[in-house]
């Protein structure tokens, strides 16, 4: 018995040990250090650390730029999450029908998610500034002649467009998995009862793919709240900081303004906000799930 228990412990150490070690080294320890430094005025460089207690957290709520970044990120998240989930679900619904080349279409729509955020931002920066300008000259269409990255409103929608374009194909794959796992007898029974496409979608498909909806909303909400690379490469928070998201604001605070203590305080509050929102979303959507 003792030898068997020792063998089981050895197996757990071999298989879980390396992952647990690196998770602790890369995630747990930096998180704990961040909690410690949030109580200081450390600049991230010097060896001198002055402890200021909860003053950093008080300063966060007095920081108008941080509050603006929070409002901007919240507005962006709500709009982007709705649009990318609607588009992802629509693509999944269409690409689970009997149509030619549907696997090729799935691949094409998924490819943008493979492209890294920084590269994607620079690609779309070129499209907005050069590509749209050329199309505007050729077609004289007012939409292409807008200063897409030059004003607050157009830059906001530019970030939304790029995010939706990148994430919709990824969510589409999850929705496809949920739709094709709906029992065929339920779909056939609905057709026998004479329901139309809209009724089938509303009363049959959507309730039965709620587990996929839960996953997609969790991924999209957390991803949009934490957006950094696209924001950095596309607008860098401009013009004049009007498109600065929370993640970029925290980065600038810690590594550009050299207020590491204040930056980690903002990061901790950011962690609490994202965790709370995603937990509420998962709790709410899980209640809507039904079993086939």
Protein backbone atom coordinates (compact mmCIF):
# COMPACT_ATOMS: atom_id res chain seq x y z
CA UNK A 1 0.00 0.00 0.00
CA UNK A 2 2.80 2.41 0.93
CA UNK A 3 4.63 1.68 -2.32
CA UNK A 4 1.47 2.31 -4.33
CA UNK A 5 0.86 5.67 -2.64
CA UNK A 6 4.47 6.67 -3.20
CA UNK A 7 4.15 5.73 -6.88
CA UNK A 8 1.00 7.85 -7.22
CA UNK A 9 2.71 10.82 -5.56
CA UNK A 10 5.70 10.40 -7.85
CA UNK A 11 3.43 10.40 -10.91
CA UNK A 12 1.71 13.57 -9.74
CA UNK A 13 5.04 15.28 -9.13
CA UNK A 14 6.38 14.26 -12.55
CA UNK A 15 3.31 15.35 -14.50
CA UNK A 16 2.09 18.32 -12.46
CA UNK A 17 5.32 19.51 -10.88
CA UNK A 18 6.90 21.36 -13.85
CA UNK A 19 3.65 23.11 -14.79
CA UNK A 20 2.94 24.07 -11.18
CA UNK A 21 6.51 25.31 -10.73
CA UNK A 22 6.44 27.58 -13.78
CA UNK A 23 2.90 28.78 -13.00
CA UNK A 24 4.07 29.77 -9.53
CA UNK A 25 7.22 31.40 -10.92
CA UNK A 26 5.52 33.32 -13.73
CA UNK A 27 2.05 34.08 -12.30
CA UNK A 28 1.75 33.62 -8.53
CA UNK A 29 5.00 35.26 -7.40
CA UNK A 30 4.66 38.35 -9.68
CA UNK A 31 1.04 38.74 -8.57
CA UNK A 32 2.04 38.67 -4.91
CA UNK A 33 4.90 41.10 -5.55
CA UNK A 34 2.45 43.39 -7.35
CA UNK A 35 0.23 43.41 -4.27
CA UNK A 36 3.24 44.40 -2.18
CA UNK A 37 4.47 47.12 -4.55
CA UNK A 38 0.97 48.60 -4.84
CA UNK A 39 1.48 49.83 -1.28
CA UNK A 40 4.66 51.71 -2.22
CA UNK A 41 5.80 54.63 -4.38
CA UNK A 42 8.52 52.59 -6.10
CA UNK A 43 9.49 53.88 -9.54
CA UNK A 44 10.48 50.45 -10.86
CA UNK A 45 14.19 51.32 -11.09
CA UNK A 46 15.71 52.56 -7.85
CA UNK A 47 16.47 50.39 -4.86
CA UNK A 48 14.67 52.77 -2.51
CA UNK A 49 11.07 51.86 -1.72
CA UNK A 50 8.82 54.09 0.37
CA UNK A 51 5.66 52.54 1.75
CA UNK A 52 2.57 54.68 1.29
CA UNK A 53 -0.15 52.25 2.35
CA UNK A 54 -3.48 52.73 0.55
CA UNK A 55 -2.60 56.17 -0.85
CA UNK A 56 -2.09 54.71 -4.34
CA UNK A 57 -5.62 53.34 -4.38
CA UNK A 58 -6.96 56.75 -3.34
CA UNK A 59 -4.99 58.38 -6.14
CA UNK A 60 -6.47 55.95 -8.68
CA UNK A 61 -9.99 57.24 -8.04
CA UNK A 62 -8.73 60.82 -8.33
CA UNK A 63 -6.98 60.13 -11.65
CA UNK A 64 -9.28 61.56 -14.31
CA UNK A 65 -7.32 59.92 -17.12
CA UNK A 66 -7.73 56.50 -15.51
CA UNK A 67 -11.46 57.08 -15.02
CA UNK A 68 -11.77 58.15 -18.66
CA UNK A 69 -9.85 55.04 -19.75
CA UNK A 70 -12.23 52.92 -17.67
CA UNK A 71 -15.28 54.47 -19.32
CA UNK A 72 -13.71 54.14 -22.77
CA UNK A 73 -12.82 50.47 -22.17
CA UNK A 74 -16.29 49.70 -20.80
CA UNK A 75 -18.02 51.29 -23.81
CA UNK A 76 -15.67 49.55 -26.21
CA UNK A 77 -16.15 46.18 -24.47
CA UNK A 78 -19.94 46.32 -24.55
CA UNK A 79 -20.12 47.21 -28.25
CA UNK A 80 -17.31 44.90 -29.40
CA UNK A 81 -18.58 41.88 -27.41
CA UNK A 82 -22.09 42.21 -28.81
CA UNK A 83 -20.91 42.67 -32.41
CA UNK A 84 -18.32 39.88 -32.40
CA UNK A 85 -20.70 37.37 -30.82
CA UNK A 86 -23.52 38.28 -33.20
CA UNK A 87 -21.22 37.99 -36.21
CA UNK A 88 -19.58 34.79 -34.92
CA UNK A 89 -22.95 33.16 -34.28
CA UNK A 90 -24.30 34.28 -37.66
CA UNK A 91 -21.27 32.84 -39.47
CA UNK A 92 -21.59 29.59 -37.50
CA UNK A 93 -25.29 29.32 -38.30
CA UNK A 94 -24.68 29.88 -42.01
CA UNK A 95 -21.64 27.59 -42.20
CA UNK A 96 -23.47 24.66 -40.60
CA UNK A 97 -25.98 24.69 -43.45
CA UNK A 98 -25.52 22.54 -46.53
CA UNK A 99 -23.48 24.92 -48.68
CA UNK A 100 -20.47 24.32 -50.94
CA UNK A 101 -16.95 25.14 -49.72
CA UNK A 102 -18.11 25.66 -46.14
CA UNK A 103 -14.87 24.26 -44.70
CA UNK A 104 -12.87 26.69 -46.82
CA UNK A 105 -15.02 29.57 -45.59
CA UNK A 106 -14.49 28.46 -41.99
CA UNK A 107 -10.74 28.54 -42.53
CA UNK A 108 -10.83 31.99 -44.13
CA UNK A 109 -12.87 33.49 -41.30
CA UNK A 110 -10.65 31.88 -38.64
CA UNK A 111 -7.32 33.05 -40.11
CA UNK A 112 -7.47 36.63 -38.68
CA UNK A 113 -7.36 35.19 -35.17
CA UNK A 114 -4.00 33.57 -35.91
CA UNK A 115 -2.37 36.92 -36.72
CA UNK A 116 -0.72 38.50 -33.69
CA UNK A 117 -2.30 41.62 -32.21
CA UNK A 118 0.67 43.93 -32.84
CA UNK A 119 1.02 42.84 -36.45
CA UNK A 120 -2.74 43.05 -36.94
CA UNK A 121 -2.78 46.59 -35.57
CA UNK A 122 -0.01 47.76 -37.89
CA UNK A 123 -1.70 46.07 -40.88
CA UNK A 124 -4.98 47.84 -40.17
CA UNK A 125 -3.18 51.10 -39.48
CA UNK A 126 -1.88 50.92 -43.04
CA UNK A 127 -5.36 50.02 -44.33
CA UNK A 128 -7.02 52.92 -42.50
CA UNK A 129 -4.44 55.53 -43.49
CA UNK A 130 -3.31 54.39 -46.95
CA UNK A 131 -5.74 51.77 -48.24
CA UNK A 132 -8.94 53.65 -47.42
CA UNK A 133 -7.47 56.92 -48.73
CA UNK A 134 -6.75 55.27 -52.09
CA UNK A 135 -10.23 53.73 -52.24
CA UNK A 136 -11.71 57.11 -51.37
CA UNK A 137 -9.89 58.74 -54.29
CA UNK A 138 -11.04 56.01 -56.68
CA UNK A 139 -14.67 55.75 -55.55
CA UNK A 140 -15.27 59.16 -53.92
CA UNK A 141 -17.18 57.24 -51.23
CA UNK A 142 -17.35 59.34 -48.06
CA UNK A 143 -16.83 56.35 -45.75
CA UNK A 144 -13.30 55.83 -47.11
CA UNK A 145 -12.45 59.53 -46.80
CA UNK A 146 -13.02 59.66 -43.03
CA UNK A 147 -9.97 60.30 -40.81
CA UNK A 148 -10.28 56.85 -39.28
CA UNK A 149 -7.44 57.22 -36.79
CA UNK A 150 -7.50 61.00 -36.59
CA UNK A 151 -10.55 61.67 -34.40
CA UNK A 152 -11.83 60.16 -31.18
CA UNK A 153 -15.05 58.72 -32.62
CA UNK A 154 -13.57 57.25 -35.79
CA UNK A 155 -10.56 55.84 -33.93
CA UNK A 156 -12.92 54.20 -31.44
CA UNK A 157 -14.82 52.49 -34.24
CA UNK A 158 -11.54 51.58 -35.93
CA UNK A 159 -10.47 49.64 -32.82
CA UNK A 160 -13.90 47.98 -32.66
CA UNK A 161 -13.72 46.95 -36.32
CA UNK A 162 -10.27 45.40 -35.97
CA UNK A 163 -11.23 43.54 -32.79
CA UNK A 164 -14.43 42.13 -34.27
CA UNK A 165 -12.60 41.15 -37.45
CA UNK A 166 -10.00 39.28 -35.39
CA UNK A 167 -12.26 37.55 -32.85
CA UNK A 168 -15.43 36.71 -34.79
CA UNK A 169 -13.86 33.75 -36.60
CA UNK A 170 -12.57 32.28 -33.35
CA UNK A 171 -15.98 32.52 -31.70
CA UNK A 172 -17.49 31.08 -34.86
CA UNK A 173 -15.60 27.82 -34.30
CA UNK A 174 -16.98 27.49 -30.77
CA UNK A 175 -20.52 28.22 -31.95
CA UNK A 176 -20.15 25.68 -34.78
CA UNK A 177 -19.15 23.02 -32.24
CA UNK A 178 -22.25 23.82 -30.21
CA UNK A 179 -24.62 23.78 -33.18
CA UNK A 180 -23.41 20.51 -34.70
CA UNK A 181 -23.74 18.81 -31.31
CA UNK A 182 -27.47 19.50 -31.15
CA UNK A 183 -29.23 16.10 -31.43
CA UNK A 184 -30.59 15.59 -34.93
CA UNK A 185 -33.88 14.18 -33.61
CA UNK A 186 -34.64 17.51 -31.93
CA UNK A 187 -34.03 19.41 -35.16
CA UNK A 188 -36.11 16.90 -37.12
CA UNK A 189 -38.95 17.15 -34.59
CA UNK A 190 -38.92 20.93 -34.94
CA UNK A 191 -39.12 20.66 -38.72
CA UNK A 192 -42.00 18.16 -38.47
CA UNK A 193 -43.85 20.61 -36.22
CA UNK A 194 -43.57 23.17 -39.02
CA UNK A 195 -41.39 25.80 -37.36
CA UNK A 196 -39.72 28.34 -39.62
CA UNK A 197 -36.04 29.26 -39.59
CA UNK A 198 -36.45 32.13 -37.11
CA UNK A 199 -38.49 30.01 -34.68
CA UNK A 200 -36.00 27.18 -34.91
CA UNK A 201 -33.16 29.59 -34.22
CA UNK A 202 -34.88 31.29 -31.28
CA UNK A 203 -36.56 28.38 -29.53
CA UNK A 204 -34.32 25.43 -30.40
CA UNK A 205 -30.80 26.36 -31.44
CA UNK A 206 -30.05 29.30 -29.11
CA UNK A 207 -31.22 27.55 -25.89
CA UNK A 208 -29.26 24.42 -26.75
CA UNK A 209 -26.02 26.26 -27.55
CA UNK A 210 -26.05 28.28 -24.32
CA UNK A 211 -22.92 26.44 -23.07
CA UNK A 212 -21.11 27.76 -26.16
CA UNK A 213 -22.58 31.23 -25.58
CA UNK A 214 -21.29 31.13 -21.98
CA UNK A 215 -17.78 30.29 -23.19
CA UNK A 216 -17.81 32.84 -26.02
CA UNK A 217 -19.02 35.69 -23.85
CA UNK A 218 -16.46 34.83 -21.17
CA UNK A 219 -13.62 34.81 -23.70
CA UNK A 220 -14.76 37.94 -25.52
CA UNK A 221 -15.43 40.00 -22.38
CA UNK A 222 -12.09 39.15 -20.78
CA UNK A 223 -10.27 39.69 -24.08
CA UNK A 224 -11.87 43.08 -24.75
CA UNK A 225 -11.30 44.34 -21.22
CA UNK A 226 -7.63 43.39 -21.46
CA UNK A 227 -7.02 44.72 -24.98
CA UNK A 228 -3.51 46.12 -25.24
CA UNK A 229 -1.57 45.12 -28.35
CA UNK A 230 -4.16 46.29 -30.91
CA UNK A 231 -4.66 49.55 -29.00
CA UNK A 232 -0.89 50.11 -28.80
CA UNK A 233 -0.12 49.41 -32.45
CA UNK A 234 -3.24 50.97 -33.99
CA UNK A 235 -3.59 54.29 -32.15
CA UNK A 236 -1.20 54.15 -29.15
CA UNK A 237 -4.03 55.74 -27.18
CA UNK A 238 -4.32 58.70 -29.55
CA UNK A 239 -5.38 61.16 -30.57
CA UNK A 240 -4.33 62.91 -27.34
CA UNK A 241 -5.07 59.91 -25.12
CA UNK A 242 -8.73 59.73 -26.18
CA UNK A 243 -8.55 56.02 -27.11
CA UNK A 244 -6.39 54.84 -24.23
CA UNK A 245 -7.71 51.60 -22.74
CA UNK A 246 -7.20 50.50 -19.14
CA UNK A 247 -4.38 48.10 -20.00
CA UNK A 248 -2.50 50.78 -21.94
CA UNK A 249 -3.10 53.33 -19.16
CA UNK A 250 -1.60 50.93 -16.60
CA UNK A 251 1.37 50.21 -18.87
CA UNK A 252 2.07 53.92 -19.39
CA UNK A 253 1.73 54.63 -15.68
CA UNK A 254 4.23 51.95 -14.70
CA UNK A 255 6.76 52.01 -17.54
CA UNK A 256 6.46 55.49 -19.11
CA UNK A 257 5.71 57.63 -16.06
CA UNK A 258 7.88 55.41 -13.82
CA UNK A 259 5.22 55.16 -11.13
CA UNK A 260 5.35 51.41 -10.69
CA UNK A 261 3.58 51.42 -7.33
CA UNK A 262 0.63 53.39 -8.70
CA UNK A 263 0.60 51.24 -11.83
CA UNK A 264 0.36 48.01 -9.83
CA UNK A 265 -2.45 49.52 -7.73
CA UNK A 266 -4.34 50.23 -10.95
CA UNK A 267 -3.58 46.70 -12.16
CA UNK A 268 -5.03 45.17 -8.99
CA UNK A 269 -8.22 47.20 -9.33
CA UNK A 270 -8.34 46.18 -12.99
CA UNK A 271 -8.03 42.52 -11.97
CA UNK A 272 -10.95 42.90 -9.52
CA UNK A 273 -13.11 44.61 -12.16
CA UNK A 274 -12.47 42.00 -14.86
CA UNK A 275 -12.89 39.12 -12.41
CA UNK A 276 -16.17 40.48 -11.08
CA UNK A 277 -17.66 41.16 -14.52
CA UNK A 278 -16.72 37.75 -15.92
CA UNK A 279 -17.97 35.89 -12.84
CA UNK A 280 -21.34 37.67 -13.04
CA UNK A 281 -21.55 36.92 -16.77
CA UNK A 282 -20.76 33.22 -16.30
CA UNK A 283 -23.26 32.95 -13.42
CA UNK A 284 -26.01 34.60 -15.47
CA UNK A 285 -25.48 32.65 -18.70
CA UNK A 286 -25.07 29.34 -16.88
CA UNK A 287 -28.57 29.82 -15.46
CA UNK A 288 -29.90 30.00 -19.02
CA UNK A 289 -28.42 26.68 -20.07
CA UNK A 290 -30.75 23.77 -20.76
CA UNK A 291 -30.08 20.08 -21.38
CA UNK A 292 -31.02 18.43 -24.64
